[in-house]
């Protein structure tokens, strides 16, 4: 099986995240795609603003109808700073005979050499990087054993930071966030 993993804070999940997941799933002909919300992202340590339970519920609300996508609470249960290498080790042990792919934005590619234990990580997973139209990847890091697969990503200029600000200003999240996630945000008074 070909299993893809897309990590992130998902605070809140939005159509940019889901379009990236769909692009990778379709273009790389994945059999499964697992969304992995981070407890605390190492490169964005102060970015999360709602609880892990709420972020997990938002993800489930956004994709529960779509049988292509699954959600793993591995990093949320573990807590603390979420390093991709720890999750990759876990998933490699869980799926020893499958092809594992970690999905990243093309903007992360030049920063890959900064990731914890990147040489070991490169042995455990192949990276799918989403290259956005008009934003070609200019630099690929020199990492022994690094396997890369390019994927054409759609240009959706949406950020979770912007969406949190929209909620604070009482602006609509329609057309940015799946409807069931919007309902959850409203019903739970998130980002106010």
Protein backbone atom coordinates (compact mmCIF):
# COMPACT_ATOMS: atom_id res chain seq x y z
CA UNK A 1 0.00 0.00 0.00
CA UNK A 2 0.97 3.60 -0.58
CA UNK A 3 0.18 5.65 2.52
CA UNK A 4 0.54 9.42 2.67
CA UNK A 5 0.77 11.54 5.81
CA UNK A 6 0.01 15.24 6.05
CA UNK A 7 0.97 16.88 9.32
CA UNK A 8 0.17 20.34 10.60
CA UNK A 9 -1.41 22.40 13.33
CA UNK A 10 -4.80 22.50 11.55
CA UNK A 11 -5.84 25.44 13.75
CA UNK A 12 -8.30 25.58 12.05
CA UNK A 13 -8.27 23.09 9.19
CA UNK A 14 -9.08 24.84 5.89
CA UNK A 15 -9.50 24.12 2.19
CA UNK A 16 -5.79 24.77 1.56
CA UNK A 17 -4.92 21.78 3.76
CA UNK A 18 -7.60 19.61 2.19
CA UNK A 19 -6.72 20.57 -1.38
CA UNK A 20 -3.07 19.68 -0.66
CA UNK A 21 -4.21 16.30 0.69
CA UNK A 22 -6.37 15.68 -2.36
CA UNK A 23 -3.66 16.78 -4.82
CA UNK A 24 -1.14 14.38 -3.25
CA UNK A 25 -3.68 11.55 -2.98
CA UNK A 26 -4.70 11.78 -6.64
CA UNK A 27 -1.41 12.62 -8.35
CA UNK A 28 0.69 10.14 -6.39
CA UNK A 29 -2.01 7.45 -6.54
CA UNK A 30 -2.04 6.90 -2.78
CA UNK A 31 -4.20 4.17 -1.26
CA UNK A 32 -4.63 5.98 2.06
CA UNK A 33 -4.02 9.49 3.34
CA UNK A 34 -3.71 10.18 7.07
CA UNK A 35 -3.94 13.70 8.52
CA UNK A 36 -1.68 14.04 11.57
CA UNK A 37 -2.38 17.08 13.75
CA UNK A 38 0.66 18.19 15.74
CA UNK A 39 0.47 18.65 19.50
CA UNK A 40 2.98 21.48 19.18
CA UNK A 41 4.78 22.24 15.93
CA UNK A 42 8.56 22.66 16.48
CA UNK A 43 8.90 25.50 13.95
CA UNK A 44 5.72 27.26 15.16
CA UNK A 45 5.79 26.70 18.94
CA UNK A 46 3.26 29.43 19.82
CA UNK A 47 0.87 29.00 16.90
CA UNK A 48 -1.90 26.85 18.38
CA UNK A 49 -4.80 28.74 19.90
CA UNK A 50 -7.50 26.14 20.56
CA UNK A 51 -7.33 22.87 22.44
CA UNK A 52 -6.04 19.64 20.93
CA UNK A 53 -9.50 18.13 21.42
CA UNK A 54 -11.08 20.96 19.43
CA UNK A 55 -8.51 20.73 16.61
CA UNK A 56 -9.09 16.98 16.41
CA UNK A 57 -12.88 17.47 16.36
CA UNK A 58 -12.54 20.10 13.60
CA UNK A 59 -10.51 17.69 11.46
CA UNK A 60 -13.04 14.90 11.96
CA UNK A 61 -15.89 17.27 11.10
CA UNK A 62 -14.09 18.39 7.94
CA UNK A 63 -13.32 14.92 6.51
CA UNK A 64 -15.61 12.38 8.16
CA UNK A 65 -17.64 12.00 4.96
CA UNK A 66 -14.55 11.45 2.75
CA UNK A 67 -13.42 7.82 2.88
CA UNK A 68 -10.07 8.68 1.26
CA UNK A 69 -8.88 10.52 4.38
CA UNK A 70 -8.23 9.38 7.94
CA UNK A 71 -7.18 11.28 11.05
CA UNK A 72 -4.50 10.09 13.48
CA UNK A 73 -4.37 11.50 17.01
CA UNK A 74 -0.90 10.01 17.59
CA UNK A 75 0.92 13.31 18.12
CA UNK A 76 -1.91 14.80 20.18
CA UNK A 77 -1.89 11.79 22.53
CA UNK A 78 1.89 11.95 22.82
CA UNK A 79 1.80 15.69 23.64
CA UNK A 80 4.77 18.04 23.72
CA UNK A 81 6.66 19.14 20.63
CA UNK A 82 5.74 16.99 17.62
CA UNK A 83 8.72 15.88 15.57
CA UNK A 84 8.06 14.16 12.26
CA UNK A 85 10.80 11.60 12.94
CA UNK A 86 8.94 10.27 15.99
CA UNK A 87 5.74 9.85 14.02
CA UNK A 88 7.56 8.32 11.06
CA UNK A 89 9.18 5.74 13.36
CA UNK A 90 5.74 4.88 14.77
CA UNK A 91 4.10 4.57 11.35
CA UNK A 92 7.04 2.58 9.92
CA UNK A 93 6.64 0.07 12.79
CA UNK A 94 2.87 -0.02 12.22
CA UNK A 95 3.16 -0.41 8.43
CA UNK A 96 6.52 -2.19 7.90
CA UNK A 97 5.80 -3.37 4.35
CA UNK A 98 4.06 -0.31 2.95
CA UNK A 99 5.40 2.69 1.04
CA UNK A 100 5.21 5.75 3.32
CA UNK A 101 5.09 9.32 2.03
CA UNK A 102 5.29 12.53 4.06
CA UNK A 103 3.56 15.44 2.33
CA UNK A 104 5.02 18.93 2.65
CA UNK A 105 4.61 22.28 0.95
CA UNK A 106 7.33 23.28 -1.48
CA UNK A 107 8.16 26.15 0.89
CA UNK A 108 9.31 23.56 3.47
CA UNK A 109 11.76 21.85 1.12
CA UNK A 110 14.64 24.33 1.61
CA UNK A 111 14.16 23.99 5.40
CA UNK A 112 14.23 20.18 5.46
CA UNK A 113 17.86 20.06 6.59
CA UNK A 114 16.68 21.71 9.86
CA UNK A 115 14.25 18.86 10.67
CA UNK A 116 15.20 16.64 13.58
CA UNK A 117 17.10 13.48 12.53
CA UNK A 118 16.48 14.23 8.86
CA UNK A 119 18.95 11.60 7.61
CA UNK A 120 17.04 8.84 9.43
CA UNK A 121 13.70 10.35 8.40
CA UNK A 122 14.79 10.26 4.75
CA UNK A 123 15.28 6.49 5.09
CA UNK A 124 11.82 5.96 6.63
CA UNK A 125 9.67 7.98 4.22
CA UNK A 126 9.67 9.45 0.76
CA UNK A 127 8.68 13.11 0.64
CA UNK A 128 5.94 14.45 -1.60
CA UNK A 129 6.35 18.17 -2.03
CA UNK A 130 3.58 20.33 -3.40
CA UNK A 131 4.84 22.90 -5.84
CA UNK A 132 2.42 25.76 -6.26
CA UNK A 133 1.83 27.49 -9.62
CA UNK A 134 4.13 30.49 -9.94
CA UNK A 135 6.19 29.45 -6.89
CA UNK A 136 8.81 26.98 -8.18
CA UNK A 137 11.07 25.30 -5.65
CA UNK A 138 14.49 26.88 -6.07
CA UNK A 139 16.65 24.86 -3.71
CA UNK A 140 16.69 21.19 -2.80
CA UNK A 141 18.77 20.37 0.28
CA UNK A 142 21.67 17.92 0.10
CA UNK A 143 20.46 15.12 2.37
CA UNK A 144 21.83 11.59 1.87
CA UNK A 145 19.11 9.17 0.78
CA UNK A 146 16.46 11.90 0.39
CA UNK A 147 13.69 10.72 -1.93
CA UNK A 148 11.46 13.42 -3.37
CA UNK A 149 8.32 13.29 -5.45
CA UNK A 150 7.00 16.52 -6.95
CA UNK A 151 3.26 17.16 -6.95
CA UNK A 152 1.44 20.02 -8.64
CA UNK A 153 -0.38 21.87 -5.91
CA UNK A 154 -3.17 24.38 -6.31
CA UNK A 155 -2.57 27.97 -5.32
CA UNK A 156 -4.88 28.64 -2.37
CA UNK A 157 -3.64 31.59 -0.36
CA UNK A 158 -5.33 30.70 2.92
CA UNK A 159 -3.68 30.74 6.33
CA UNK A 160 -5.04 29.56 9.65
CA UNK A 161 -3.75 32.79 11.22
CA UNK A 162 -5.87 34.82 8.81
CA UNK A 163 -8.91 32.64 9.55
CA UNK A 164 -8.56 33.10 13.31
CA UNK A 165 -8.46 36.85 12.71
CA UNK A 166 -11.59 36.64 10.56
CA UNK A 167 -13.45 34.98 13.43
CA UNK A 168 -12.28 37.69 15.87
CA UNK A 169 -13.55 40.35 13.45
CA UNK A 170 -16.85 38.47 13.05
CA UNK A 171 -16.23 37.78 9.35
CA UNK A 172 -17.46 34.67 7.55
CA UNK A 173 -15.35 31.52 7.18
CA UNK A 174 -17.52 30.34 4.28
CA UNK A 175 -15.49 29.25 1.23
CA UNK A 176 -12.37 28.94 3.42
CA UNK A 177 -13.33 26.14 5.84
CA UNK A 178 -15.63 23.09 5.41
CA UNK A 179 -19.16 23.82 6.61
CA UNK A 180 -19.23 21.22 9.40
CA UNK A 181 -16.00 22.67 10.81
CA UNK A 182 -17.52 26.18 10.68
CA UNK A 183 -20.54 24.92 12.63
CA UNK A 184 -18.21 23.39 15.23
CA UNK A 185 -16.23 26.65 15.53
CA UNK A 186 -19.47 28.63 16.06
CA UNK A 187 -21.04 26.15 18.48
CA UNK A 188 -17.90 26.03 20.63
CA UNK A 189 -17.02 29.74 20.46
CA UNK A 190 -13.53 29.06 19.13
CA UNK A 191 -11.05 31.82 18.19
CA UNK A 192 -13.03 34.59 19.91
